[in-house]
Amino acid sequence: MASNATIYKAVLQIADMDRHYFQDHAFTLARHPSETEERMMVRVLAFALHANEALSFGRGVSTEDEPALWQRDFTGAIDLWIEIGQPDEKTLRQACGRSKQVIVYVCGARSAEVWWASQSPSLDRLKNLAVTLLPMESVRALAGMAKPTMQLQWTIQDGHLWIADGAQTHHLELQRLKG
């Protein structure tokens, strides 16, 4: 964990109707000083969407050769590589070469649309790449749920997410840009 990181403990209760996956996960997250709560909670969201016993968080924003999350098989080969934000084409080409599947969760009001408009022609040829846009207002609402100790219930169905923390519930709709 990074020095001076803010530590969060999370318990996720996941009910993913699309994958027929119903499981609880408990973990500790370190939020790097340069990482926003929005980005950290998008990492948690990505974990919930792809939850699996083999899925793990990368070492953090300061590590360039690792994704935000990844899943390796028993041989160490990378099955799933998940990026958060607006990575450049070179990073995504390398990730697609190293992993069976690469997923990018992009957010940011106007900047996400500009990023996608400039990157989509070159990224279209990467067949194992999927890109999903997260509405910024939903990401902000999700960041509002960030607490040092979190217990979040996730219900996932048909590209819709409902996230509850006992006091509030937020709805989020995923917008697939590619894949």
N, C-alpha and C. Protein backbone atom coordinates (compact mmCIF):
# COMPACT_ATOMS: atom_id res chain seq x y z
N MET A 1 0.83 -1.17 0.00
CA MET A 1 0.00 0.00 0.00
C MET A 1 0.88 1.25 0.00
N ALA A 2 0.37 2.26 -0.63
CA ALA A 2 1.13 3.49 -0.76
C ALA A 2 1.25 4.20 0.58
N SER A 3 2.37 4.90 0.77
CA SER A 3 2.52 5.67 1.99
C SER A 3 1.56 6.85 1.95
N ASN A 4 1.07 7.26 3.11
CA ASN A 4 0.11 8.33 3.24
C ASN A 4 -1.21 8.06 2.53
N ALA A 5 -1.46 6.82 2.23
CA ALA A 5 -2.72 6.45 1.59
C ALA A 5 -3.83 6.50 2.62
N THR A 6 -5.04 6.76 2.14
CA THR A 6 -6.22 6.71 3.00
C THR A 6 -6.78 5.30 2.87
N ILE A 7 -7.02 4.67 3.99
CA ILE A 7 -7.47 3.28 4.00
C ILE A 7 -8.99 3.21 4.15
N TYR A 8 -9.59 2.38 3.32
CA TYR A 8 -11.03 2.12 3.36
C TYR A 8 -11.24 0.62 3.49
N LYS A 9 -12.23 0.24 4.27
CA LYS A 9 -12.63 -1.16 4.37
C LYS A 9 -14.02 -1.26 3.76
N ALA A 10 -14.20 -2.23 2.88
CA ALA A 10 -15.46 -2.36 2.17
C ALA A 10 -15.98 -3.78 2.23
N VAL A 11 -17.29 -3.89 2.38
CA VAL A 11 -17.99 -5.16 2.25
C VAL A 11 -19.01 -4.95 1.15
N LEU A 12 -18.92 -5.75 0.11
CA LEU A 12 -19.85 -5.66 -1.02
C LEU A 12 -20.73 -6.89 -1.01
N GLN A 13 -22.02 -6.68 -1.07
CA GLN A 13 -22.99 -7.76 -1.23
C GLN A 13 -23.48 -7.63 -2.66
N ILE A 14 -23.09 -8.58 -3.50
CA ILE A 14 -23.33 -8.47 -4.94
C ILE A 14 -24.39 -9.46 -5.37
N ALA A 15 -25.40 -8.93 -6.06
CA ALA A 15 -26.43 -9.74 -6.69
C ALA A 15 -26.43 -9.37 -8.17
N ASP A 16 -25.69 -10.15 -8.96
CA ASP A 16 -25.56 -9.90 -10.40
C ASP A 16 -26.49 -10.86 -11.14
N MET A 17 -27.65 -10.36 -11.52
CA MET A 17 -28.66 -11.18 -12.20
C MET A 17 -28.19 -11.63 -13.58
N ASP A 18 -27.38 -10.81 -14.25
CA ASP A 18 -26.91 -11.14 -15.59
C ASP A 18 -25.97 -12.34 -15.59
N ARG A 19 -25.11 -12.43 -14.59
CA ARG A 19 -24.14 -13.53 -14.51
C ARG A 19 -24.56 -14.62 -13.53
N HIS A 20 -25.70 -14.44 -12.87
CA HIS A 20 -26.15 -15.37 -11.82
C HIS A 20 -25.06 -15.53 -10.76
N TYR A 21 -24.55 -14.39 -10.32
CA TYR A 21 -23.47 -14.35 -9.34
C TYR A 21 -24.00 -13.65 -8.09
N PHE A 22 -23.98 -14.36 -6.98
CA PHE A 22 -24.49 -13.83 -5.71
C PHE A 22 -23.44 -14.14 -4.64
N GLN A 23 -22.71 -13.10 -4.23
CA GLN A 23 -21.58 -13.35 -3.33
C GLN A 23 -21.28 -12.08 -2.53
N ASP A 24 -20.70 -12.26 -1.36
CA ASP A 24 -20.21 -11.15 -0.56
C ASP A 24 -18.69 -11.11 -0.68
N HIS A 25 -18.15 -9.91 -0.72
CA HIS A 25 -16.71 -9.71 -0.79
C HIS A 25 -16.31 -8.66 0.23
N ALA A 26 -15.27 -8.92 0.98
CA ALA A 26 -14.72 -7.95 1.93
C ALA A 26 -13.26 -7.70 1.57
N PHE A 27 -12.87 -6.43 1.53
CA PHE A 27 -11.49 -6.11 1.21
C PHE A 27 -11.11 -4.74 1.78
N THR A 28 -9.82 -4.48 1.76
CA THR A 28 -9.27 -3.21 2.20
C THR A 28 -8.73 -2.49 0.97
N LEU A 29 -9.07 -1.23 0.84
CA LEU A 29 -8.61 -0.40 -0.28
C LEU A 29 -7.69 0.69 0.23
N ALA A 30 -6.66 0.96 -0.51
CA ALA A 30 -5.80 2.10 -0.21
C ALA A 30 -6.02 3.13 -1.31
N ARG A 31 -6.41 4.33 -0.91
CA ARG A 31 -6.60 5.42 -1.88
C ARG A 31 -5.36 6.30 -1.84
N HIS A 32 -4.62 6.27 -2.94
CA HIS A 32 -3.40 7.06 -3.09
C HIS A 32 -3.74 8.55 -2.91
N PRO A 33 -2.83 9.35 -2.35
CA PRO A 33 -3.12 10.78 -2.16
C PRO A 33 -3.53 11.50 -3.44
N SER A 34 -3.06 11.05 -4.59
CA SER A 34 -3.42 11.71 -5.85
C SER A 34 -4.71 11.16 -6.46
N GLU A 35 -5.28 10.15 -5.86
CA GLU A 35 -6.50 9.54 -6.39
C GLU A 35 -7.72 10.19 -5.76
N THR A 36 -8.72 10.49 -6.57
CA THR A 36 -9.96 11.07 -6.06
C THR A 36 -10.86 9.96 -5.53
N GLU A 37 -11.84 10.35 -4.70
CA GLU A 37 -12.83 9.38 -4.24
C GLU A 37 -13.65 8.86 -5.41
N GLU A 38 -13.88 9.70 -6.42
CA GLU A 38 -14.62 9.26 -7.61
C GLU A 38 -13.90 8.09 -8.27
N ARG A 39 -12.60 8.23 -8.50
CA ARG A 39 -11.85 7.16 -9.16
C ARG A 39 -11.82 5.90 -8.30
N MET A 40 -11.61 6.08 -7.01
CA MET A 40 -11.59 4.92 -6.12
C MET A 40 -12.92 4.17 -6.17
N MET A 41 -14.03 4.91 -6.14
CA MET A 41 -15.33 4.25 -6.17
C MET A 41 -15.65 3.64 -7.53
N VAL A 42 -15.07 4.17 -8.61
CA VAL A 42 -15.21 3.51 -9.91
C VAL A 42 -14.44 2.19 -9.90
N ARG A 43 -13.32 2.14 -9.19
CA ARG A 43 -12.62 0.85 -9.03
C ARG A 43 -13.50 -0.15 -8.30
N VAL A 44 -14.20 0.32 -7.25
CA VAL A 44 -15.11 -0.56 -6.52
C VAL A 44 -16.26 -1.00 -7.42
N LEU A 45 -16.78 -0.08 -8.22
CA LEU A 45 -17.84 -0.41 -9.17
C LEU A 45 -17.36 -1.48 -10.16
N ALA A 46 -16.17 -1.30 -10.71
CA ALA A 46 -15.62 -2.28 -11.64
C ALA A 46 -15.47 -3.64 -10.97
N PHE A 47 -15.04 -3.63 -9.71
CA PHE A 47 -14.94 -4.89 -8.98
C PHE A 47 -16.31 -5.56 -8.89
N ALA A 48 -17.33 -4.79 -8.53
CA ALA A 48 -18.67 -5.36 -8.39
C ALA A 48 -19.18 -5.93 -9.71
N LEU A 49 -18.90 -5.24 -10.81
CA LEU A 49 -19.38 -5.70 -12.12
C LEU A 49 -18.69 -6.98 -12.59
N HIS A 50 -17.48 -7.22 -12.14
CA HIS A 50 -16.70 -8.37 -12.60
C HIS A 50 -16.28 -9.28 -11.45
N ALA A 51 -16.97 -9.18 -10.34
CA ALA A 51 -16.57 -9.90 -9.12
C ALA A 51 -16.31 -11.38 -9.40
N ASN A 52 -15.22 -11.80 -8.81
CA ASN A 52 -14.74 -13.17 -8.97
C ASN A 52 -13.68 -13.37 -7.91
N GLU A 53 -13.52 -14.58 -7.43
CA GLU A 53 -12.50 -14.85 -6.41
C GLU A 53 -11.09 -14.53 -6.89
N ALA A 54 -10.86 -14.60 -8.21
CA ALA A 54 -9.52 -14.35 -8.74
C ALA A 54 -9.29 -12.89 -9.11
N LEU A 55 -10.31 -12.05 -9.07
CA LEU A 55 -10.18 -10.64 -9.41
C LEU A 55 -9.50 -9.90 -8.27
N SER A 56 -8.50 -9.08 -8.61
CA SER A 56 -7.80 -8.33 -7.57
C SER A 56 -7.47 -6.93 -8.06
N PHE A 57 -7.23 -6.04 -7.09
CA PHE A 57 -6.87 -4.67 -7.40
C PHE A 57 -5.38 -4.61 -7.74
N GLY A 58 -5.03 -3.72 -8.66
CA GLY A 58 -3.63 -3.47 -8.98
C GLY A 58 -2.98 -2.70 -7.83
N ARG A 59 -1.70 -2.42 -7.97
CA ARG A 59 -0.96 -1.75 -6.90
C ARG A 59 -1.25 -0.26 -6.79
N GLY A 60 -1.93 0.32 -7.77
CA GLY A 60 -2.32 1.71 -7.63
C GLY A 60 -1.97 2.60 -8.79
N VAL A 61 -2.35 3.87 -8.67
CA VAL A 61 -2.18 4.83 -9.76
C VAL A 61 -0.72 5.10 -10.09
N SER A 62 0.18 4.85 -9.19
CA SER A 62 1.60 5.12 -9.45
C SER A 62 2.30 3.96 -10.15
N THR A 63 1.59 2.87 -10.41
CA THR A 63 2.17 1.72 -11.07
C THR A 63 1.68 1.68 -12.52
N GLU A 64 2.58 1.95 -13.45
CA GLU A 64 2.19 2.09 -14.85
C GLU A 64 1.94 0.76 -15.55
N ASP A 65 2.60 -0.32 -15.15
CA ASP A 65 2.48 -1.58 -15.87
C ASP A 65 1.40 -2.49 -15.31
N GLU A 66 0.56 -1.97 -14.43
CA GLU A 66 -0.56 -2.74 -13.88
C GLU A 66 -1.85 -1.96 -14.05
N PRO A 67 -2.94 -2.69 -14.25
CA PRO A 67 -4.24 -2.03 -14.38
C PRO A 67 -4.83 -1.70 -13.00
N ALA A 68 -5.99 -1.07 -13.02
CA ALA A 68 -6.71 -0.80 -11.77
C ALA A 68 -7.14 -2.12 -11.13
N LEU A 69 -7.59 -3.07 -11.95
CA LEU A 69 -7.96 -4.41 -11.49
C LEU A 69 -7.54 -5.42 -12.56
N TRP A 70 -7.32 -6.64 -12.10
CA TRP A 70 -7.04 -7.70 -13.06
C TRP A 70 -7.37 -9.05 -12.49
N GLN A 71 -7.50 -9.98 -13.42
CA GLN A 71 -7.80 -11.36 -13.05
C GLN A 71 -6.82 -12.26 -13.81
N ARG A 72 -6.12 -13.08 -13.05
CA ARG A 72 -5.14 -14.01 -13.64
C ARG A 72 -5.64 -15.44 -13.47
N ASP A 73 -5.23 -16.30 -14.40
CA ASP A 73 -5.58 -17.71 -14.24
C ASP A 73 -4.51 -18.39 -13.40
N PHE A 74 -4.61 -19.71 -13.26
CA PHE A 74 -3.68 -20.45 -12.39
C PHE A 74 -2.25 -20.46 -12.91
N THR A 75 -2.06 -20.19 -14.20
CA THR A 75 -0.71 -20.16 -14.77
C THR A 75 -0.08 -18.78 -14.67
N GLY A 76 -0.85 -17.79 -14.27
CA GLY A 76 -0.36 -16.42 -14.19
C GLY A 76 -0.73 -15.59 -15.41
N ALA A 77 -1.34 -16.22 -16.43
CA ALA A 77 -1.78 -15.47 -17.61
C ALA A 77 -2.92 -14.54 -17.21
N ILE A 78 -2.98 -13.40 -17.86
CA ILE A 78 -4.00 -12.40 -17.53
C ILE A 78 -5.25 -12.66 -18.35
N ASP A 79 -6.35 -12.96 -17.65
CA ASP A 79 -7.64 -13.15 -18.32
C ASP A 79 -8.38 -11.84 -18.52
N LEU A 80 -8.29 -10.95 -17.55
CA LEU A 80 -9.05 -9.71 -17.58
C LEU A 80 -8.20 -8.56 -17.06
N TRP A 81 -8.18 -7.47 -17.81
CA TRP A 81 -7.42 -6.26 -17.48
C TRP A 81 -8.43 -5.12 -17.48
N ILE A 82 -8.58 -4.42 -16.36
CA ILE A 82 -9.56 -3.34 -16.25
C ILE A 82 -8.84 -2.02 -15.98
N GLU A 83 -9.07 -1.05 -16.86
CA GLU A 83 -8.52 0.30 -16.70
C GLU A 83 -9.63 1.26 -16.31
N ILE A 84 -9.28 2.28 -15.55
CA ILE A 84 -10.21 3.32 -15.15
C ILE A 84 -9.68 4.64 -15.69
N GLY A 85 -10.53 5.43 -16.29
CA GLY A 85 -10.11 6.75 -16.75
C GLY A 85 -10.05 6.83 -18.25
N GLN A 86 -9.05 7.52 -18.76
CA GLN A 86 -8.91 7.77 -20.19
C GLN A 86 -7.49 7.42 -20.63
N PRO A 87 -7.17 6.12 -20.67
CA PRO A 87 -5.81 5.72 -21.03
C PRO A 87 -5.50 6.01 -22.50
N ASP A 88 -4.22 6.13 -22.80
CA ASP A 88 -3.85 6.39 -24.19
C ASP A 88 -3.86 5.09 -25.01
N GLU A 89 -3.78 5.26 -26.31
CA GLU A 89 -3.86 4.12 -27.22
C GLU A 89 -2.72 3.12 -26.98
N LYS A 90 -1.52 3.61 -26.74
CA LYS A 90 -0.37 2.72 -26.52
C LYS A 90 -0.61 1.81 -25.31
N THR A 91 -1.10 2.38 -24.21
CA THR A 91 -1.39 1.59 -23.01
C THR A 91 -2.42 0.50 -23.31
N LEU A 92 -3.45 0.86 -24.05
CA LEU A 92 -4.51 -0.11 -24.36
C LEU A 92 -4.03 -1.18 -25.34
N ARG A 93 -3.21 -0.81 -26.31
CA ARG A 93 -2.64 -1.80 -27.24
C ARG A 93 -1.80 -2.82 -26.47
N GLN A 94 -0.96 -2.32 -25.55
CA GLN A 94 -0.13 -3.22 -24.75
C GLN A 94 -0.99 -4.12 -23.88
N ALA A 95 -2.02 -3.56 -23.25
CA ALA A 95 -2.91 -4.35 -22.40
C ALA A 95 -3.62 -5.42 -23.22
N CYS A 96 -4.08 -5.08 -24.41
CA CYS A 96 -4.76 -6.06 -25.27
C CYS A 96 -3.82 -7.17 -25.71
N GLY A 97 -2.54 -6.86 -25.84
CA GLY A 97 -1.55 -7.88 -26.17
C GLY A 97 -1.24 -8.80 -25.00
N ARG A 98 -1.41 -8.32 -23.79
CA ARG A 98 -1.07 -9.10 -22.59
C ARG A 98 -2.25 -9.86 -22.01
N SER A 99 -3.48 -9.47 -22.35
CA SER A 99 -4.66 -10.02 -21.70
C SER A 99 -5.67 -10.54 -22.71
N LYS A 100 -6.47 -11.51 -22.27
CA LYS A 100 -7.53 -12.03 -23.13
C LYS A 100 -8.63 -11.01 -23.34
N GLN A 101 -8.94 -10.21 -22.31
CA GLN A 101 -9.99 -9.20 -22.40
C GLN A 101 -9.55 -7.96 -21.65
N VAL A 102 -9.80 -6.79 -22.25
CA VAL A 102 -9.48 -5.50 -21.64
C VAL A 102 -10.78 -4.69 -21.60
N ILE A 103 -11.05 -4.10 -20.45
CA ILE A 103 -12.23 -3.27 -20.27
C ILE A 103 -11.80 -1.93 -19.72
N VAL A 104 -12.32 -0.86 -20.29
CA VAL A 104 -12.05 0.49 -19.82
C VAL A 104 -13.36 1.09 -19.34
N TYR A 105 -13.34 1.64 -18.12
CA TYR A 105 -14.46 2.41 -17.59
C TYR A 105 -14.03 3.86 -17.61
N VAL A 106 -14.67 4.64 -18.46
CA VAL A 106 -14.31 6.04 -18.66
C VAL A 106 -15.41 6.93 -18.09
N CYS A 107 -14.98 7.97 -17.40
CA CYS A 107 -15.94 8.94 -16.87
C CYS A 107 -15.31 10.33 -16.95
N GLY A 108 -16.13 11.30 -16.81
CA GLY A 108 -15.69 12.68 -16.96
C GLY A 108 -16.68 13.34 -17.89
N ALA A 109 -17.21 14.43 -17.51
CA ALA A 109 -18.30 15.06 -18.25
C ALA A 109 -17.97 15.16 -19.74
N ARG A 110 -17.53 16.26 -20.18
CA ARG A 110 -17.23 16.48 -21.61
C ARG A 110 -15.93 15.79 -22.02
N SER A 111 -14.98 15.68 -21.12
CA SER A 111 -13.67 15.12 -21.47
C SER A 111 -13.76 13.67 -21.92
N ALA A 112 -14.71 12.90 -21.39
CA ALA A 112 -14.86 11.50 -21.80
C ALA A 112 -15.31 11.42 -23.25
N GLU A 113 -16.22 12.28 -23.63
CA GLU A 113 -16.70 12.29 -25.02
C GLU A 113 -15.59 12.71 -25.98
N VAL A 114 -14.81 13.70 -25.59
CA VAL A 114 -13.68 14.16 -26.41
C VAL A 114 -12.65 13.04 -26.54
N TRP A 115 -12.33 12.39 -25.41
CA TRP A 115 -11.37 11.28 -25.42
C TRP A 115 -11.85 10.18 -26.37
N TRP A 116 -13.11 9.80 -26.27
CA TRP A 116 -13.63 8.72 -27.11
C TRP A 116 -13.63 9.11 -28.58
N ALA A 117 -14.01 10.34 -28.90
CA ALA A 117 -14.03 10.79 -30.29
C ALA A 117 -12.62 10.74 -30.90
N SER A 118 -11.61 11.08 -30.11
CA SER A 118 -10.24 11.07 -30.64
C SER A 118 -9.63 9.67 -30.66
N GLN A 119 -10.03 8.78 -29.74
CA GLN A 119 -9.42 7.47 -29.63
C GLN A 119 -10.15 6.36 -30.39
N SER A 120 -11.45 6.52 -30.59
CA SER A 120 -12.24 5.40 -31.14
C SER A 120 -11.76 4.88 -32.49
N PRO A 121 -11.34 5.72 -33.43
CA PRO A 121 -10.89 5.14 -34.71
C PRO A 121 -9.71 4.17 -34.55
N SER A 122 -8.75 4.51 -33.72
CA SER A 122 -7.60 3.62 -33.54
C SER A 122 -7.90 2.45 -32.62
N LEU A 123 -8.84 2.62 -31.68
CA LEU A 123 -9.17 1.54 -30.74
C LEU A 123 -10.13 0.52 -31.35
N ASP A 124 -10.79 0.90 -32.43
CA ASP A 124 -11.78 0.01 -33.04
C ASP A 124 -11.17 -1.31 -33.50
N ARG A 125 -9.91 -1.32 -33.86
CA ARG A 125 -9.27 -2.55 -34.35
C ARG A 125 -8.87 -3.52 -33.24
N LEU A 126 -8.93 -3.07 -31.98
CA LEU A 126 -8.59 -3.93 -30.85
C LEU A 126 -9.82 -4.77 -30.50
N LYS A 127 -9.83 -6.00 -30.94
CA LYS A 127 -11.03 -6.85 -30.84
C LYS A 127 -11.34 -7.31 -29.42
N ASN A 128 -10.36 -7.35 -28.54
CA ASN A 128 -10.60 -7.80 -27.16
C ASN A 128 -10.75 -6.63 -26.19
N LEU A 129 -11.13 -5.46 -26.72
CA LEU A 129 -11.30 -4.26 -25.92
C LEU A 129 -12.78 -3.89 -25.83
N ALA A 130 -13.23 -3.59 -24.62
CA ALA A 130 -14.58 -3.04 -24.40
C ALA A 130 -14.42 -1.72 -23.66
N VAL A 131 -15.25 -0.74 -24.02
CA VAL A 131 -15.20 0.57 -23.39
C VAL A 131 -16.61 0.93 -22.92
N THR A 132 -16.73 1.35 -21.67
CA THR A 132 -18.01 1.71 -21.07
C THR A 132 -17.91 3.11 -20.48
N LEU A 133 -18.91 3.93 -20.80
CA LEU A 133 -18.98 5.29 -20.28
C LEU A 133 -19.86 5.30 -19.04
N LEU A 134 -19.36 5.93 -17.99
CA LEU A 134 -20.12 6.09 -16.75
C LEU A 134 -20.53 7.56 -16.63
N PRO A 135 -21.82 7.83 -16.47
CA PRO A 135 -22.25 9.22 -16.33
C PRO A 135 -21.61 9.87 -15.10
N MET A 136 -21.09 11.07 -15.27
CA MET A 136 -20.36 11.74 -14.19
C MET A 136 -21.24 12.02 -12.99
N GLU A 137 -22.51 12.35 -13.19
CA GLU A 137 -23.38 12.60 -12.04
C GLU A 137 -23.55 11.34 -11.20
N SER A 138 -23.58 10.18 -11.85
CA SER A 138 -23.67 8.91 -11.12
C SER A 138 -22.39 8.61 -10.38
N VAL A 139 -21.25 8.93 -10.98
CA VAL A 139 -19.96 8.71 -10.34
C VAL A 139 -19.83 9.60 -9.10
N ARG A 140 -20.30 10.84 -9.20
CA ARG A 140 -20.27 11.74 -8.05
C ARG A 140 -21.15 11.21 -6.92
N ALA A 141 -22.34 10.71 -7.29
CA ALA A 141 -23.24 10.15 -6.28
C ALA A 141 -22.59 8.94 -5.61
N LEU A 142 -21.93 8.11 -6.40
CA LEU A 142 -21.23 6.95 -5.86
C LEU A 142 -20.11 7.38 -4.91
N ALA A 143 -19.37 8.43 -5.28
CA ALA A 143 -18.30 8.94 -4.41
C ALA A 143 -18.87 9.44 -3.10
N GLY A 144 -20.10 9.92 -3.11
CA GLY A 144 -20.74 10.36 -1.88
C GLY A 144 -21.00 9.23 -0.91
N MET A 145 -20.93 7.99 -1.39
CA MET A 145 -21.13 6.82 -0.54
C MET A 145 -19.82 6.34 0.08
N ALA A 146 -18.70 6.93 -0.32
CA ALA A 146 -17.39 6.51 0.18
C ALA A 146 -17.26 6.87 1.65
N LYS A 147 -16.96 5.88 2.45
CA LYS A 147 -16.76 6.05 3.89
C LYS A 147 -15.56 5.18 4.29
N PRO A 148 -14.90 5.50 5.40
CA PRO A 148 -13.78 4.65 5.83
C PRO A 148 -14.18 3.19 6.00
N THR A 149 -15.42 2.95 6.41
CA THR A 149 -15.95 1.60 6.49
C THR A 149 -17.27 1.59 5.72
N MET A 150 -17.32 0.80 4.65
CA MET A 150 -18.49 0.79 3.77
C MET A 150 -19.12 -0.60 3.72
N GLN A 151 -20.42 -0.63 3.70
CA GLN A 151 -21.15 -1.85 3.41
C GLN A 151 -22.15 -1.49 2.31
N LEU A 152 -21.90 -2.00 1.11
CA LEU A 152 -22.69 -1.63 -0.06
C LEU A 152 -23.36 -2.85 -0.67
N GLN A 153 -24.62 -2.68 -1.00
CA GLN A 153 -25.37 -3.73 -1.68
C GLN A 153 -25.46 -3.34 -3.16
N TRP A 154 -25.08 -4.27 -4.03
CA TRP A 154 -25.06 -4.03 -5.47
C TRP A 154 -26.05 -4.98 -6.13
N THR A 155 -26.97 -4.43 -6.91
CA THR A 155 -27.86 -5.24 -7.73
C THR A 155 -27.58 -4.84 -9.17
N ILE A 156 -27.31 -5.84 -10.00
CA ILE A 156 -26.90 -5.60 -11.38
C ILE A 156 -27.83 -6.38 -12.30
N GLN A 157 -28.43 -5.68 -13.27
CA GLN A 157 -29.30 -6.36 -14.22
C GLN A 157 -29.43 -5.53 -15.50
N ASP A 158 -29.16 -6.17 -16.62
CA ASP A 158 -29.34 -5.57 -17.95
C ASP A 158 -28.63 -4.22 -18.11
N GLY A 159 -27.41 -4.10 -17.61
CA GLY A 159 -26.67 -2.86 -17.75
C GLY A 159 -27.07 -1.77 -16.77
N HIS A 160 -27.93 -2.09 -15.83
CA HIS A 160 -28.35 -1.15 -14.79
C HIS A 160 -27.78 -1.61 -13.46
N LEU A 161 -27.39 -0.66 -12.63
CA LEU A 161 -26.88 -0.96 -11.29
C LEU A 161 -27.67 -0.16 -10.28
N TRP A 162 -27.97 -0.81 -9.18
CA TRP A 162 -28.55 -0.15 -8.02
C TRP A 162 -27.59 -0.39 -6.88
N ILE A 163 -27.12 0.70 -6.28
CA ILE A 163 -26.15 0.62 -5.20
C ILE A 163 -26.80 1.24 -3.97
N ALA A 164 -26.80 0.49 -2.87
CA ALA A 164 -27.42 0.97 -1.63
C ALA A 164 -26.41 0.84 -0.49
N ASP A 165 -26.47 1.80 0.44
CA ASP A 165 -25.59 1.75 1.61
C ASP A 165 -26.37 1.76 2.92
N GLY A 166 -27.67 1.51 2.84
CA GLY A 166 -28.49 1.52 4.04
C GLY A 166 -29.20 2.84 4.25
N ALA A 167 -28.61 3.93 3.79
CA ALA A 167 -29.20 5.26 3.95
C ALA A 167 -29.75 5.80 2.63
N GLN A 168 -29.12 5.38 1.53
CA GLN A 168 -29.51 5.89 0.22
C GLN A 168 -29.28 4.82 -0.84
N THR A 169 -29.99 4.97 -1.95
CA THR A 169 -29.84 4.07 -3.09
C THR A 169 -29.64 4.91 -4.34
N HIS A 170 -28.67 4.51 -5.16
CA HIS A 170 -28.42 5.21 -6.42
C HIS A 170 -28.57 4.23 -7.57
N HIS A 171 -29.10 4.74 -8.65
CA HIS A 171 -29.23 3.97 -9.89
C HIS A 171 -28.20 4.48 -10.88
N LEU A 172 -27.55 3.57 -11.57
CA LEU A 172 -26.54 3.93 -12.56
C LEU A 172 -26.78 3.08 -13.80
N GLU A 173 -26.77 3.70 -14.96
CA GLU A 173 -26.92 2.96 -16.21
C GLU A 173 -25.60 3.04 -16.98
N LEU A 174 -25.13 1.88 -17.41
CA LEU A 174 -23.88 1.82 -18.16
C LEU A 174 -24.16 2.13 -19.62
N GLN A 175 -23.23 2.86 -20.25
CA GLN A 175 -23.35 3.14 -21.68
C GLN A 175 -22.16 2.51 -22.39
N ARG A 176 -22.41 1.44 -23.11
CA ARG A 176 -21.35 0.74 -23.82
C ARG A 176 -20.97 1.53 -25.07
N LEU A 177 -19.69 1.87 -25.17
CA LEU A 177 -19.19 2.57 -26.34
C LEU A 177 -18.57 1.59 -27.33
N LYS A 178 -18.01 0.50 -26.82
CA LYS A 178 -17.37 -0.52 -27.65
C LYS A 178 -17.43 -1.85 -26.92
N GLY A 179 -17.70 -2.91 -27.70
CA GLY A 179 -17.65 -4.26 -27.14
C GLY A 179 -18.92 -4.73 -26.50
